[in-house]
PDB file of N, CA and C in Angstrom:
ATOM      1  N   MET A   1       0.803  -1.205   0.064  1.00  0.00           N
ATOM      2  CA  MET A   1       0.015  -0.059  -0.019  1.00  0.00           C
ATOM      3  C   MET A   1       0.793   1.254  -0.048  1.00  0.00           C
ATOM      4  N   THR A   2       2.057   1.186   0.401  1.00  0.00           N
ATOM      5  CA  THR A   2       2.930   2.392   0.424  1.00  0.00           C
ATOM      6  C   THR A   2       3.199   2.940  -0.865  1.00  0.00           C
ATOM      7  N   PRO A   3       3.547   2.194  -1.913  1.00  0.00           N
ATOM      8  CA  PRO A   3       3.682   2.920  -3.293  1.00  0.00           C
ATOM      9  C   PRO A   3       2.365   3.432  -3.737  1.00  0.00           C
ATOM     10  N   ALA A   4       1.248   2.769  -3.509  1.00  0.00           N
ATOM     11  CA  ALA A   4      -0.016   3.249  -3.956  1.00  0.00           C
ATOM     12  C   ALA A   4      -0.378   4.532  -3.307  1.00  0.00           C
ATOM     13  N   SER A   5      -0.084   4.639  -1.960  1.00  0.00           N
ATOM     14  CA  SER A   5      -0.427   5.823  -1.208  1.00  0.00           C
ATOM     15  C   SER A   5       0.370   7.058  -1.743  1.00  0.00           C
ATOM     16  N   LEU A   6       1.666   6.845  -2.037  1.00  0.00           N
ATOM     17  CA  LEU A   6       2.469   7.947  -2.585  1.00  0.00           C
ATOM     18  C   LEU A   6       1.997   8.323  -3.953  1.00  0.00           C
ATOM     19  N   GLY A   7       1.586   7.339  -4.780  1.00  0.00           N
ATOM     20  CA  GLY A   7       1.006   7.731  -6.032  1.00  0.00           C
ATOM     21  C   GLY A   7      -0.317   8.549  -5.938  1.00  0.00           C
ATOM     22  N   LEU A   8      -1.107   8.131  -5.054  1.00  0.00           N
ATOM     23  CA  LEU A   8      -2.376   8.928  -4.784  1.00  0.00           C
ATOM     24  C   LEU A   8      -1.995  10.316  -4.283  1.00  0.00           C
ATOM     25  N   LEU A   9      -1.023  10.360  -3.379  1.00  0.00           N
ATOM     26  CA  LEU A   9      -0.637  11.712  -2.884  1.00  0.00           C
ATOM     27  C   LEU A   9      -0.130  12.616  -3.921  1.00  0.00           C
ATOM     28  N   LEU A  10       0.693  12.127  -4.875  1.00  0.00           N
ATOM     29  CA  LEU A  10       1.207  12.872  -5.934  1.00  0.00           C
ATOM     30  C   LEU A  10       0.152  13.371  -6.883  1.00  0.00           C
ATOM     31  N   ALA A  11      -0.786  12.442  -7.200  1.00  0.00           N
ATOM     32  CA  ALA A  11      -1.855  12.828  -8.051  1.00  0.00           C
ATOM     33  C   ALA A  11      -2.833  13.880  -7.487  1.00  0.00           C
ATOM     34  N   ALA A  12      -3.014  13.881  -6.103  1.00  0.00           N
ATOM     35  CA  ALA A  12      -3.895  14.787  -5.568  1.00  0.00           C
ATOM     36  C   ALA A  12      -3.322  16.113  -5.095  1.00  0.00           C
ATOM     37  N   THR A  13      -2.039  16.221  -5.307  1.00  0.00           N
ATOM     38  CA  THR A  13      -1.371  17.456  -4.852  1.00  0.00           C
ATOM     39  C   THR A  13      -0.969  18.294  -5.948  1.00  0.00           C
ATOM     40  N   ALA A  14      -1.074  19.624  -5.939  1.00  0.00           N
ATOM     41  CA  ALA A  14      -0.597  20.430  -6.936  1.00  0.00           C
ATOM     42  C   ALA A  14       0.961  20.411  -6.949  1.00  0.00           C
ATOM     43  N   PRO A  15       1.534  20.594  -8.171  1.00  0.00           N
ATOM     44  CA  PRO A  15       2.969  20.461  -8.351  1.00  0.00           C
ATOM     45  C   PRO A  15       3.886  21.269  -7.430  1.00  0.00           C
ATOM     46  N   GLU A  16       3.388  22.518  -7.147  1.00  0.00           N
ATOM     47  CA  GLU A  16       4.043  23.343  -6.339  1.00  0.00           C
ATOM     48  C   GLU A  16       4.037  23.063  -4.800  1.00  0.00           C
ATOM     49  N   ARG A  17       3.174  22.125  -4.412  1.00  0.00           N
ATOM     50  CA  ARG A  17       2.987  21.785  -3.047  1.00  0.00           C
ATOM     51  C   ARG A  17       3.446  20.383  -2.798  1.00  0.00           C
ATOM     52  N   ARG A  18       3.906  19.661  -3.756  1.00  0.00           N
ATOM     53  CA  ARG A  18       4.297  18.177  -3.658  1.00  0.00           C
ATOM     54  C   ARG A  18       5.486  18.028  -2.679  1.00  0.00           C
ATOM     55  N   THR A  19       6.399  18.845  -2.711  1.00  0.00           N
ATOM     56  CA  THR A  19       7.560  18.644  -1.825  1.00  0.00           C
ATOM     57  C   THR A  19       7.134  18.682  -0.382  1.00  0.00           C
ATOM     58  N   ARG A  20       6.283  19.605   0.017  1.00  0.00           N
ATOM     59  CA  ARG A  20       5.756  19.633   1.337  1.00  0.00           C
ATOM     60  C   ARG A  20       4.916  18.380   1.666  1.00  0.00           C
ATOM     61  N   ALA A  21       4.106  18.004   0.678  1.00  0.00           N
ATOM     62  CA  ALA A  21       3.199  16.841   0.972  1.00  0.00           C
ATOM     63  C   ALA A  21       3.990  15.586   1.248  1.00  0.00           C
ATOM     64  N   VAL A  22       5.045  15.466   0.403  1.00  0.00           N
ATOM     65  CA  VAL A  22       5.898  14.169   0.498  1.00  0.00           C
ATOM     66  C   VAL A  22       6.704  14.251   1.852  1.00  0.00           C
ATOM     67  N   ARG A  23       7.025  15.465   2.272  1.00  0.00           N
ATOM     68  CA  ARG A  23       7.758  15.499   3.568  1.00  0.00           C
ATOM     69  C   ARG A  23       6.792  15.086   4.685  1.00  0.00           C
ATOM     70  N   ILE A  24       5.594  15.557   4.611  1.00  0.00           N
ATOM     71  CA  ILE A  24       4.596  15.184   5.664  1.00  0.00           C
ATOM     72  C   ILE A  24       4.238  13.694   5.650  1.00  0.00           C
ATOM     73  N   TRP A  25       4.080  13.219   4.443  1.00  0.00           N
ATOM     74  CA  TRP A  25       3.879  11.725   4.240  1.00  0.00           C
ATOM     75  C   TRP A  25       5.011  10.970   4.779  1.00  0.00           C
ATOM     76  N   SER A  26       6.214  11.298   4.531  1.00  0.00           N
ATOM     77  CA  SER A  26       7.399  10.607   5.036  1.00  0.00           C
ATOM     78  C   SER A  26       7.477  10.689   6.606  1.00  0.00           C
ATOM     79  N   ALA A  27       7.260  11.800   7.086  1.00  0.00           N
ATOM     80  CA  ALA A  27       7.277  11.964   8.577  1.00  0.00           C
ATOM     81  C   ALA A  27       6.220  11.161   9.237  1.00  0.00           C
ATOM     82  N   SER A  28       5.007  11.053   8.705  1.00  0.00           N
ATOM     83  CA  SER A  28       3.878  10.381   9.193  1.00  0.00           C
ATOM     84  C   SER A  28       4.283   8.874   9.208  1.00  0.00           C
ATOM     85  N   ALA A  29       4.819   8.417   8.091  1.00  0.00           N
ATOM     86  CA  ALA A  29       5.292   6.987   7.977  1.00  0.00           C
ATOM     87  C   ALA A  29       6.303   6.650   9.007  1.00  0.00           C
ATOM     88  N   ALA A  30       7.320   7.517   9.185  1.00  0.00           N
ATOM     89  CA  ALA A  30       8.334   7.278  10.229  1.00  0.00           C
ATOM     90  C   ALA A  30       7.816   7.324  11.639  1.00  0.00           C
ATOM     91  N   LEU A  31       6.853   8.187  11.817  1.00  0.00           N
ATOM     92  CA  LEU A  31       6.219   8.163  13.247  1.00  0.00           C
ATOM     93  C   LEU A  31       5.374   6.989  13.501  1.00  0.00           C
ATOM     94  N   ALA A  32       4.645   6.493  12.445  1.00  0.00           N
ATOM     95  CA  ALA A  32       3.965   5.320  12.596  1.00  0.00           C
ATOM     96  C   ALA A  32       4.780   4.059  12.809  1.00  0.00           C
ATOM     97  N   ALA A  33       5.867   4.007  12.037  1.00  0.00           N
ATOM     98  CA  ALA A  33       6.817   2.862  12.273  1.00  0.00           C
ATOM     99  C   ALA A  33       7.423   2.823  13.601  1.00  0.00           C
ATOM    100  N   ALA A  34       7.729   4.046  14.118  1.00  0.00           N
ATOM    101  CA  ALA A  34       8.409   4.102  15.547  1.00  0.00           C
ATOM    102  C   ALA A  34       7.418   3.885  16.573  1.00  0.00           C
ATOM    103  N   ALA A  35       6.179   4.427  16.493  1.00  0.00           N
ATOM    104  CA  ALA A  35       5.220   4.336  17.544  1.00  0.00           C
ATOM    105  C   ALA A  35       4.339   3.099  17.511  1.00  0.00           C
ATOM    106  N   GLY A  36       4.212   2.496  16.402  1.00  0.00           N
ATOM    107  CA  GLY A  36       3.326   1.350  16.210  1.00  0.00           C
ATOM    108  C   GLY A  36       3.593   0.198  17.158  1.00  0.00           C
ATOM    109  N   PRO A  37       4.853  -0.402  17.149  1.00  0.00           N
ATOM    110  CA  PRO A  37       5.051  -1.498  18.042  1.00  0.00           C
ATOM    111  C   PRO A  37       4.814  -1.244  19.554  1.00  0.00           C
ATOM    112  N   GLY A  38       5.133  -0.051  19.958  1.00  0.00           N
ATOM    113  CA  GLY A  38       4.872   0.317  21.395  1.00  0.00           C
ATOM    114  C   GLY A  38       3.435   0.404  21.747  1.00  0.00           C
ATOM    115  N   LEU A  39       2.688   1.119  20.886  1.00  0.00           N
ATOM    116  CA  LEU A  39       1.319   1.284  21.077  1.00  0.00           C
ATOM    117  C   LEU A  39       0.535  -0.074  20.992  1.00  0.00           C
ATOM    118  N   GLY A  40       0.969  -0.880  19.952  1.00  0.00           N
ATOM    119  CA  GLY A  40       0.436  -2.201  19.848  1.00  0.00           C
ATOM    120  C   GLY A  40       0.672  -3.087  21.061  1.00  0.00           C
ATOM    121  N   GLY A  41       1.872  -2.920  21.659  1.00  0.00           N
ATOM    122  CA  GLY A  41       2.140  -3.722  22.812  1.00  0.00           C
ATOM    123  C   GLY A  41       1.330  -3.299  24.052  1.00  0.00           C
ATOM    124  N   LEU A  42       1.088  -2.006  24.155  1.00  0.00           N
ATOM    125  CA  LEU A  42       0.208  -1.432  25.210  1.00  0.00           C
ATOM    126  C   LEU A  42      -1.180  -1.976  25.030  1.00  0.00           C
ATOM    127  N   LEU A  43      -1.704  -2.002  23.783  1.00  0.00           N
ATOM    128  CA  LEU A  43      -3.081  -2.514  23.563  1.00  0.00           C
ATOM    129  C   LEU A  43      -3.200  -3.974  23.798  1.00  0.00           C
ATOM    130  N   VAL A  44      -2.137  -4.719  23.478  1.00  0.00           N
ATOM    131  CA  VAL A  44      -2.221  -6.171  23.779  1.00  0.00           C
ATOM    132  C   VAL A  44      -2.157  -6.474  25.295  1.00  0.00           C
ATOM    133  N   GLN A  45      -1.514  -5.658  26.073  1.00  0.00           N
ATOM    134  CA  GLN A  45      -1.371  -5.949  27.511  1.00  0.00           C
ATOM    135  C   GLN A  45      -2.691  -5.715  28.095  1.00  0.00           C
ATOM    136  N   SER A  46      -3.473  -4.739  27.558  1.00  0.00           N
ATOM    137  CA  SER A  46      -4.893  -4.542  28.172  1.00  0.00           C
ATOM    138  C   SER A  46      -5.782  -5.674  27.734  1.00  0.00           C
ATOM    139  N   SER A  47      -5.861  -5.954  26.433  1.00  0.00           N
ATOM    140  CA  SER A  47      -6.615  -7.025  25.871  1.00  0.00           C
ATOM    141  C   SER A  47      -6.257  -7.173  24.329  1.00  0.00           C
ATOM    142  N   TRP A  48      -6.005  -8.376  23.911  1.00  0.00           N
ATOM    143  CA  TRP A  48      -5.575  -8.623  22.511  1.00  0.00           C
ATOM    144  C   TRP A  48      -6.733  -8.173  21.582  1.00  0.00           C
ATOM    145  N   ARG A  49      -7.994  -8.153  22.039  1.00  0.00           N
ATOM    146  CA  ARG A  49      -9.086  -7.754  21.219  1.00  0.00           C
ATOM    147  C   ARG A  49      -9.075  -6.337  20.792  1.00  0.00           C
ATOM    148  N   TRP A  50      -8.385  -5.500  21.549  1.00  0.00           N
ATOM    149  CA  TRP A  50      -8.259  -4.040  21.279  1.00  0.00           C
ATOM    150  C   TRP A  50      -7.502  -3.805  19.962  1.00  0.00           C
ATOM    151  N   ILE A  51      -6.654  -4.739  19.566  1.00  0.00           N
ATOM    152  CA  ILE A  51      -5.984  -4.655  18.277  1.00  0.00           C
ATOM    153  C   ILE A  51      -6.893  -4.517  17.145  1.00  0.00           C
ATOM    154  N   PHE A  52      -7.940  -5.329  17.262  1.00  0.00           N
ATOM    155  CA  PHE A  52      -9.030  -5.219  16.150  1.00  0.00           C
ATOM    156  C   PHE A  52     -10.033  -4.105  16.252  1.00  0.00           C
ATOM    157  N   LEU A  53     -10.388  -3.929  17.548  1.00  0.00           N
ATOM    158  CA  LEU A  53     -11.461  -2.877  17.831  1.00  0.00           C
ATOM    159  C   LEU A  53     -10.947  -1.454  17.528  1.00  0.00           C
ATOM    160  N   VAL A  54      -9.612  -1.205  17.693  1.00  0.00           N
ATOM    161  CA  VAL A  54      -9.138   0.120  17.540  1.00  0.00           C
ATOM    162  C   VAL A  54      -9.226   0.556  16.045  1.00  0.00           C
ATOM    163  N   ASN A  55      -9.250  -0.337  15.113  1.00  0.00           N
ATOM    164  CA  ASN A  55      -9.218  -0.021  13.759  1.00  0.00           C
ATOM    165  C   ASN A  55     -10.605   0.541  13.230  1.00  0.00           C
ATOM    166  N   VAL A  56     -11.680   0.166  13.957  1.00  0.00           N
ATOM    167  CA  VAL A  56     -12.974   0.680  13.525  1.00  0.00           C
ATOM    168  C   VAL A  56     -13.106   2.189  13.606  1.00  0.00           C
ATOM    169  N   PRO A  57     -12.865   2.871  14.755  1.00  0.00           N
ATOM    170  CA  PRO A  57     -13.032   4.271  14.770  1.00  0.00           C
ATOM    171  C   PRO A  57     -11.948   5.035  13.943  1.00  0.00           C
ATOM    172  N   VAL A  58     -10.788   4.440  13.824  1.00  0.00           N
ATOM    173  CA  VAL A  58      -9.669   5.037  13.047  1.00  0.00           C
ATOM    174  C   VAL A  58     -10.083   5.016  11.541  1.00  0.00           C
ATOM    175  N   GLY A  59     -10.638   3.817  11.084  1.00  0.00           N
ATOM    176  CA  GLY A  59     -11.074   3.769   9.685  1.00  0.00           C
ATOM    177  C   GLY A  59     -12.253   4.688   9.332  1.00  0.00           C
ATOM    178  N   ALA A  60     -13.152   4.794  10.397  1.00  0.00           N
ATOM    179  CA  ALA A  60     -14.362   5.657  10.146  1.00  0.00           C
ATOM    180  C   ALA A  60     -13.820   7.104  10.046  1.00  0.00           C
ATOM    181  N   VAL A  61     -12.941   7.559  10.891  1.00  0.00           N
ATOM    182  CA  VAL A  61     -12.430   8.895  10.757  1.00  0.00           C
ATOM    183  C   VAL A  61     -11.772   9.156   9.499  1.00  0.00           C
ATOM    184  N   ALA A  62     -10.928   8.094   9.065  1.00  0.00           N
ATOM    185  CA  ALA A  62     -10.155   8.210   7.789  1.00  0.00           C
ATOM    186  C   ALA A  62     -11.105   8.375   6.599  1.00  0.00           C
ATOM    187  N   LEU A  63     -12.187   7.532   6.613  1.00  0.00           N
ATOM    188  CA  LEU A  63     -13.148   7.637   5.467  1.00  0.00           C
ATOM    189  C   LEU A  63     -13.892   8.925   5.370  1.00  0.00           C
ATOM    190  N   VAL A  64     -14.289   9.485   6.604  1.00  0.00           N
ATOM    191  CA  VAL A  64     -14.988  10.839   6.607  1.00  0.00           C
ATOM    192  C   VAL A  64     -13.984  11.873   6.193  1.00  0.00           C
ATOM    193  N   ALA A  65     -12.799  11.908   6.681  1.00  0.00           N
ATOM    194  CA  ALA A  65     -11.847  12.936   6.345  1.00  0.00           C
ATOM    195  C   ALA A  65     -11.495  12.879   4.900  1.00  0.00           C
ATOM    196  N   GLY A  66     -11.272  11.687   4.357  1.00  0.00           N
ATOM    197  CA  GLY A  66     -10.967  11.507   3.010  1.00  0.00           C
ATOM    198  C   GLY A  66     -12.083  11.955   2.018  1.00  0.00           C
ATOM    199  N   ALA A  67     -13.278  11.723   2.399  1.00  0.00           N
ATOM    200  CA  ALA A  67     -14.401  12.132   1.560  1.00  0.00           C
ATOM    201  C   ALA A  67     -14.483  13.670   1.591  1.00  0.00           C
ATOM    202  N   ARG A  68     -14.240  14.280   2.748  1.00  0.00           N
ATOM    203  CA  ARG A  68     -14.341  15.705   2.877  1.00  0.00           C
ATOM    204  C   ARG A  68     -13.206  16.515   2.273  1.00  0.00           C
ATOM    205  N   LEU A  69     -12.027  15.942   2.432  1.00  0.00           N
ATOM    206  CA  LEU A  69     -10.710  16.794   2.137  1.00  0.00           C
ATOM    207  C   LEU A  69     -10.072  16.393   0.938  1.00  0.00           C
ATOM    208  N   LEU A  70     -10.258  15.263   0.422  1.00  0.00           N
ATOM    209  CA  LEU A  70      -9.493  14.845  -0.784  1.00  0.00           C
ATOM    210  C   LEU A  70     -10.164  15.254  -2.073  1.00  0.00           C
ATOM    211  N   PRO A  71      -9.401  15.777  -3.039  1.00  0.00           N
ATOM    212  CA  PRO A  71     -10.069  16.199  -4.343  1.00  0.00           C
ATOM    213  C   PRO A  71     -10.381  14.926  -5.138  1.00  0.00           C
ATOM    214  N   ASP A  72     -11.313  15.099  -6.083  1.00  0.00           N
ATOM    215  CA  ASP A  72     -11.683  14.031  -7.116  1.00  0.00           C
ATOM    216  C   ASP A  72     -10.666  14.107  -8.202  1.00  0.00           C
ATOM    217  N   VAL A  73      -9.730  13.173  -8.351  1.00  0.00           N
ATOM    218  CA  VAL A  73      -8.777  13.248  -9.351  1.00  0.00           C
ATOM    219  C   VAL A  73      -8.998  12.303 -10.526  1.00  0.00           C
ATOM    220  N   ARG A  74     -10.244  11.793 -10.683  1.00  0.00           N
ATOM    221  CA  ARG A  74     -10.531  10.939 -11.775  1.00  0.00           C
ATOM    222  C   ARG A  74     -10.526  11.797 -13.046  1.00  0.00           C
ATOM    223  N   ARG A  75     -10.027  11.248 -14.143  1.00  0.00           N
ATOM    224  CA  ARG A  75      -9.995  11.927 -15.423  1.00  0.00           C
ATOM    225  C   ARG A  75     -10.889  11.228 -16.339  1.00  0.00           C
ATOM    226  N   ALA A  76     -11.645  11.938 -17.201  1.00  0.00           N
ATOM    227  CA  ALA A  76     -12.558  11.320 -18.157  1.00  0.00           C
ATOM    228  C   ALA A  76     -11.793  10.627 -19.213  1.00  0.00           C
ATOM    229  N   GLY A  77     -12.193   9.434 -19.675  1.00  0.00           N
ATOM    230  CA  GLY A  77     -11.629   8.757 -20.775  1.00  0.00           C
ATOM    231  C   GLY A  77     -10.393   7.998 -20.471  1.00  0.00           C
ATOM    232  N   THR A  78     -10.013   7.795 -19.162  1.00  0.00           N
ATOM    233  CA  THR A  78      -8.705   7.114 -18.879  1.00  0.00           C
ATOM    234  C   THR A  78      -9.063   5.683 -18.488  1.00  0.00           C
ATOM    235  N   GLY A  79     -10.363   5.318 -18.454  1.00  0.00           N
ATOM    236  CA  GLY A  79     -10.694   3.952 -18.028  1.00  0.00           C
ATOM    237  C   GLY A  79     -10.389   3.004 -19.082  1.00  0.00           C
ATOM    238  N   ARG A  80      -9.918   1.727 -18.717  1.00  0.00           N
ATOM    239  CA  ARG A  80      -9.599   0.740 -19.716  1.00  0.00           C
ATOM    240  C   ARG A  80     -10.469  -0.470 -19.477  1.00  0.00           C
ATOM    241  N   ILE A  81     -10.710  -1.172 -20.543  1.00  0.00           N
ATOM    242  CA  ILE A  81     -11.459  -2.485 -20.457  1.00  0.00           C
ATOM    243  C   ILE A  81     -10.381  -3.567 -20.253  1.00  0.00           C
ATOM    244  N   PRO A  82     -10.583  -4.346 -19.135  1.00  0.00           N
ATOM    245  CA  PRO A  82      -9.535  -5.356 -18.965  1.00  0.00           C
ATOM    246  C   PRO A  82      -9.553  -6.365 -20.072  1.00  0.00           C
ATOM    247  N   ASP A  83      -8.444  -6.915 -20.377  1.00  0.00           N
ATOM    248  CA  ASP A  83      -8.279  -7.986 -21.420  1.00  0.00           C
ATOM    249  C   ASP A  83      -8.436  -9.306 -20.745  1.00  0.00           C
ATOM    250  N   VAL A  84      -9.673  -9.841 -20.638  1.00  0.00           N
ATOM    251  CA  VAL A  84      -9.989 -11.017 -19.888  1.00  0.00           C
ATOM    252  C   VAL A  84      -9.285 -12.233 -20.616  1.00  0.00           C
ATOM    253  N   PHE A  85      -9.402 -12.298 -21.918  1.00  0.00           N
ATOM    254  CA  PHE A  85      -8.905 -13.505 -22.595  1.00  0.00           C
ATOM    255  C   PHE A  85      -7.339 -13.466 -22.582  1.00  0.00           C
ATOM    256  N   GLY A  86      -6.729 -12.239 -22.646  1.00  0.00           N
ATOM    257  CA  GLY A  86      -5.299 -12.197 -22.629  1.00  0.00           C
ATOM    258  C   GLY A  86      -4.731 -12.511 -21.292  1.00  0.00           C
ATOM    259  N   ALA A  87      -5.479 -12.309 -20.228  1.00  0.00           N
ATOM    260  CA  ALA A  87      -5.015 -12.475 -18.901  1.00  0.00           C
ATOM    261  C   ALA A  87      -5.010 -13.991 -18.598  1.00  0.00           C
ATOM    262  N   ARG A  88      -5.667 -14.849 -19.346  1.00  0.00           N
ATOM    263  CA  ARG A  88      -5.856 -16.299 -19.063  1.00  0.00           C
ATOM    264  C   ARG A  88      -4.554 -17.037 -19.600  1.00  0.00           C
ATOM    265  N   ARG A  89      -3.783 -16.465 -20.412  1.00  0.00           N
ATOM    266  CA  ARG A  89      -2.605 -17.150 -21.053  1.00  0.00           C
ATOM    267  C   ARG A  89      -1.642 -17.561 -19.977  1.00  0.00           C
TER     268      ARG A  89
END
């Protein structure tokens, strides 16, 4: 998901603001990698079920924030029809 998230970030950001956006993206990834194991350990110590339950509110907030803040970057005419017969080879 990391390469896809960077691709989406670059497509949704104006060229003059991309450097700042990539810096924030990189800092967020580094913070998550550093804090994740510690926070996960704290959750597991209280109850292993919290590992699964904590994702529900985080996902809901991410969906709402994404729908409100992210621009629609779809472009007309770029859709492709998959080659079903060619994929079977």
